Amino acid sequence: MPFSLDAFADTPTANAGPRLGDQAYAALEELIVTATLPPGSLWSEAALSERTGIGRTPVREALQRLAADHLVILLRRHGIKITEVQVAEQLLVLDARRELERLVSVCAARRASKAEREAHLHSAVELHEAGEKRDPLLYLRVHFALKRFTCACARNPYATRALSPLHALSRRFFYVHHDRFGDLMEVARVHAELAEAIGRGDEAGASACCDAMTDYAVAFTRKIILE
């Protein structure tokens, strides 16, 4: 049975099915961040409802959230526009992420349960394996699933809500530019070390690893700007 971070969800509604609005949000976010809905493209609410197989009311609700996340622009009488990927703006995203990621990582190291710490250690192994396989898409799937899990372990919903749109923008940015990854083993190592620090409950180590992770992301983004 494959390992899943979902098995460690520690919420009162963990066994309840997701609301249709949440399902629509997850489906549309995945289509956007993987560029299946290309940046700059225009869509109607009806087309997105048909694309996801979810009714227009929950899709409309999801689009409001995606607009708040800066992934779509709601154009009055003209439908929905998928936002462009802006390389320079990604540096601003990383500025904001640096402080919030450090807070969330330290809180997760402090507050995670034993099972959640073990899950972080297991995810570190998966990150190393993705790096060794030179599989950037596998790496991104593991990486961003772990990001969401770490936020849950931090037990700070305010920081989680602030990070959510930044993670979505970063996920799309790195997906679009995944073919430019240099040494994927090194990328995976940096993020695995953060997961390991959280898994050990090492708050100082999590803070230092988080800064190293953000420094790497900034260097990667600047390299793309200079190309």
Protein backbone atom coordinates (compact mmCIF):
# COMPACT_ATOMS: atom_id res chain seq x y z
CA MET A 1 0.00 0.00 0.00
CA PRO A 2 1.59 3.33 -1.06
CA PHE A 3 2.49 5.82 1.62
CA SER A 4 0.13 8.78 1.84
CA LEU A 5 0.33 11.91 3.95
CA ASP A 6 -3.47 12.00 3.92
CA ALA A 7 -3.47 9.10 6.38
CA PHE A 8 -2.01 11.45 8.99
CA ALA A 9 -4.63 14.19 8.68
CA ASP A 10 -5.44 15.31 12.21
CA THR A 11 -8.73 17.17 11.83
CA PRO A 12 -12.24 16.44 13.12
CA THR A 13 -13.49 16.12 9.54
CA ALA A 14 -10.68 13.88 8.31
CA ASN A 15 -13.11 11.08 7.48
CA ALA A 16 -15.71 13.33 5.86
CA GLY A 17 -15.79 13.75 2.12
CA PRO A 18 -14.65 17.11 0.73
CA ARG A 19 -17.28 19.68 -0.16
CA LEU A 20 -18.03 20.15 -3.86
CA GLY A 21 -16.54 23.63 -3.69
CA ASP A 22 -13.31 22.17 -2.30
CA GLN A 23 -13.33 19.45 -4.97
CA ALA A 24 -13.78 22.08 -7.68
CA TYR A 25 -10.97 24.18 -6.21
CA ALA A 26 -8.57 21.22 -6.07
CA ALA A 27 -9.43 20.14 -9.64
CA LEU A 28 -9.10 23.61 -11.12
CA GLU A 29 -5.92 24.43 -9.19
CA GLU A 30 -4.32 21.24 -10.52
CA LEU A 31 -5.31 22.13 -14.10
CA ILE A 32 -3.88 25.63 -13.67
CA VAL A 33 -0.62 24.84 -11.91
CA THR A 34 0.22 22.08 -14.39
CA ALA A 35 -0.54 24.54 -17.23
CA THR A 36 -3.21 22.21 -18.61
CA LEU A 37 -5.20 25.45 -18.60
CA PRO A 38 -2.47 27.54 -20.24
CA PRO A 39 -1.40 30.90 -18.77
CA GLY A 40 -3.25 33.71 -20.50
CA SER A 41 -6.05 31.49 -21.82
CA LEU A 42 -9.72 32.47 -21.54
CA TRP A 43 -12.47 30.16 -20.29
CA SER A 44 -16.14 30.28 -19.52
CA GLU A 45 -17.63 29.09 -16.26
CA ALA A 46 -19.63 26.51 -18.21
CA ALA A 47 -16.50 25.17 -19.93
CA LEU A 48 -14.68 24.79 -16.63
CA SER A 49 -17.71 23.07 -15.13
CA GLU A 50 -17.72 20.61 -18.02
CA ARG A 51 -13.94 20.16 -17.80
CA THR A 52 -14.08 19.22 -14.11
CA GLY A 53 -17.41 17.40 -14.16
CA ILE A 54 -18.58 19.57 -11.25
CA GLY A 55 -21.60 21.86 -11.21
CA ARG A 56 -21.38 25.56 -11.96
CA THR A 57 -22.21 26.75 -8.43
CA PRO A 58 -19.23 25.00 -6.76
CA VAL A 59 -17.04 25.96 -9.73
CA ARG A 60 -18.08 29.60 -9.25
CA GLU A 61 -17.17 29.34 -5.56
CA ALA A 62 -13.79 27.80 -6.45
CA LEU A 63 -13.08 30.55 -8.99
CA GLN A 64 -13.55 33.20 -6.31
CA ARG A 65 -10.89 31.46 -4.22
CA LEU A 66 -8.57 31.05 -7.20
CA ALA A 67 -8.94 34.76 -7.97
CA ALA A 68 -7.88 35.52 -4.38
CA ASP A 69 -4.90 33.21 -4.97
CA HIS A 70 -3.93 35.25 -8.08
CA LEU A 71 -4.30 32.24 -10.35
CA VAL A 72 -7.29 33.55 -12.31
CA ILE A 73 -8.79 36.92 -13.20
CA LEU A 74 -12.57 37.16 -13.29
CA LEU A 75 -13.48 39.30 -16.31
CA ARG A 76 -16.94 40.75 -16.18
CA ARG A 77 -18.95 39.48 -19.19
CA HIS A 78 -15.78 38.00 -20.69
CA GLY A 79 -15.25 34.87 -18.62
CA ILE A 80 -12.19 33.76 -16.72
CA LYS A 81 -8.57 34.45 -17.63
CA ILE A 82 -5.74 32.27 -16.35
CA THR A 83 -3.03 34.58 -15.05
CA GLU A 84 0.36 34.73 -16.74
CA VAL A 85 3.48 33.29 -15.12
CA GLN A 86 5.58 36.29 -14.12
CA VAL A 87 9.20 35.44 -13.40
CA ALA A 88 10.05 38.72 -11.66
CA GLU A 89 6.95 38.46 -9.46
CA GLN A 90 8.10 35.03 -8.32
CA LEU A 91 10.91 36.75 -6.42
CA LEU A 92 8.30 38.74 -4.49
CA VAL A 93 6.45 35.50 -3.79
CA LEU A 94 9.66 34.03 -2.40
CA ASP A 95 10.25 37.12 -0.22
CA ALA A 96 6.91 36.52 1.44
CA ARG A 97 7.37 32.76 1.58
CA ARG A 98 10.74 33.04 3.31
CA GLU A 99 9.27 34.45 6.53
CA LEU A 100 6.09 32.38 6.50
CA GLU A 101 7.89 29.14 5.62
CA ARG A 102 10.28 29.64 8.51
CA LEU A 103 7.41 30.23 10.93
CA VAL A 104 5.47 27.20 9.71
CA SER A 105 8.52 24.94 9.67
CA VAL A 106 9.55 25.86 13.21
CA CYS A 107 5.99 25.45 14.49
CA ALA A 108 5.71 22.05 12.78
CA ALA A 109 8.98 20.92 14.38
CA ARG A 110 7.59 22.00 17.74
CA ARG A 111 4.00 20.76 17.46
CA ALA A 112 3.96 17.72 15.17
CA SER A 113 2.88 14.43 16.70
CA LYS A 114 5.13 11.38 16.68
CA ALA A 115 3.29 9.96 13.66
CA GLU A 116 3.55 13.29 11.83
CA ARG A 117 7.29 13.46 12.53
CA GLU A 118 7.69 9.96 11.12
CA ALA A 119 5.69 11.00 8.06
CA HIS A 120 8.13 13.89 7.49
CA LEU A 121 11.06 11.49 7.70
CA HIS A 122 9.37 9.17 5.21
CA SER A 123 8.73 12.08 2.85
CA ALA A 124 12.43 13.01 3.07
CA VAL A 125 13.24 9.54 1.75
CA GLU A 126 10.74 10.03 -1.10
CA LEU A 127 12.34 13.36 -1.99
CA HIS A 128 15.79 11.76 -2.15
CA GLU A 129 14.40 8.97 -4.35
CA ALA A 130 12.80 11.47 -6.73
CA GLY A 131 16.14 13.27 -6.98
CA GLU A 132 18.03 10.04 -7.65
CA LYS A 133 15.52 9.13 -10.37
CA ARG A 134 15.97 12.59 -11.95
CA ASP A 135 12.17 12.82 -12.04
CA PRO A 136 11.20 16.50 -11.59
CA LEU A 137 7.44 15.93 -11.77
CA LEU A 138 7.56 13.20 -9.11
CA TYR A 139 9.70 15.53 -7.01
CA LEU A 140 7.19 18.38 -7.36
CA ARG A 141 4.26 16.13 -6.41
CA VAL A 142 6.03 14.90 -3.27
CA HIS A 143 7.35 18.36 -2.43
CA PHE A 144 4.06 20.23 -2.55
CA ALA A 145 2.09 17.46 -0.84
CA LEU A 146 4.65 17.73 1.96
CA LYS A 147 4.26 21.53 2.03
CA ARG A 148 0.53 21.19 2.68
CA PHE A 149 1.17 18.55 5.34
CA THR A 150 3.77 20.67 7.13
CA CYS A 151 1.30 23.56 7.26
CA ALA A 152 -1.27 21.27 8.88
CA CYS A 153 1.31 20.09 11.43
CA ALA A 154 2.18 23.70 12.34
CA ARG A 155 -1.33 24.12 13.83
CA ASN A 156 -1.46 27.76 12.72
CA PRO A 157 -4.39 28.26 10.32
CA TYR A 158 -3.56 31.94 9.82
CA ALA A 159 -0.08 31.19 8.49
CA THR A 160 -1.51 28.33 6.42
CA ARG A 161 -4.07 30.60 4.76
CA ALA A 162 -1.37 33.18 4.02
CA LEU A 163 0.93 30.55 2.49
CA SER A 164 -1.69 28.74 0.41
CA PRO A 165 -1.76 31.18 -2.55
CA LEU A 166 2.02 31.56 -2.43
CA HIS A 167 2.44 27.79 -2.65
CA ALA A 168 -0.01 27.65 -5.57
CA LEU A 169 1.92 30.32 -7.49
CA SER A 170 5.25 28.65 -6.72
CA ARG A 171 3.94 25.23 -7.68
CA ARG A 172 2.89 26.54 -11.10
CA PHE A 173 6.13 28.47 -11.57
CA PHE A 174 8.32 25.47 -10.85
CA TYR A 175 6.08 23.14 -12.89
CA VAL A 176 6.31 25.42 -15.92
CA HIS A 177 10.10 25.68 -15.55
CA HIS A 178 10.80 22.13 -14.31
CA ASP A 179 12.83 21.32 -17.42
CA ARG A 180 15.39 23.91 -16.27
CA PHE A 181 16.17 22.19 -12.97
CA GLY A 182 19.90 21.70 -12.70
CA ASP A 183 21.03 19.06 -10.24
CA LEU A 184 17.72 17.58 -9.08
CA MET A 185 19.53 15.53 -6.44
CA GLU A 186 20.74 18.77 -4.87
CA VAL A 187 17.27 20.35 -5.07
CA ALA A 188 15.77 17.29 -3.40
CA ARG A 189 18.52 17.20 -0.76
CA VAL A 190 17.83 20.76 0.37
CA HIS A 191 14.13 20.06 0.85
CA ALA A 192 14.69 16.63 2.35
CA GLU A 193 16.96 18.12 5.01
CA LEU A 194 14.14 20.45 6.06
CA ALA A 195 11.74 17.51 6.32
CA GLU A 196 14.31 15.61 8.38
CA ALA A 197 14.77 18.54 10.77
CA ILE A 198 11.02 18.73 11.33
CA GLY A 199 10.96 14.96 11.75
CA ARG A 200 13.57 15.25 14.51
CA GLY A 201 11.72 18.09 16.20
CA ASP A 202 14.77 20.30 15.63
CA GLU A 203 13.41 23.86 15.59
CA ALA A 204 16.76 25.59 15.00
CA GLY A 205 17.62 23.10 12.28
CA ALA A 206 14.24 23.61 10.62
CA SER A 207 14.79 27.37 10.59
CA ALA A 208 18.26 27.06 9.04
CA CYS A 209 17.14 24.48 6.48
CA CYS A 210 14.16 26.62 5.55
CA ASP A 211 16.43 29.58 4.78
CA ALA A 212 18.71 27.32 2.70
CA MET A 213 15.66 26.05 0.80
CA THR A 214 14.44 29.58 0.03
CA ASP A 215 17.96 30.68 -0.98
CA TYR A 216 18.05 27.83 -3.50
CA ALA A 217 14.64 28.79 -4.91
CA VAL A 218 15.70 32.44 -5.24
CA ALA A 219 18.91 31.45 -7.06
CA PHE A 220 16.91 29.22 -9.43
CA THR A 221 14.46 32.05 -10.18
CA ARG A 222 17.20 34.61 -10.77
CA LYS A 223 18.94 32.21 -13.14
CA ILE A 224 15.77 32.02 -15.24
CA ILE A 225 15.50 35.83 -15.30
CA LEU A 226 19.08 36.09 -16.61
CA GLU A 227 18.61 33.48 -19.35
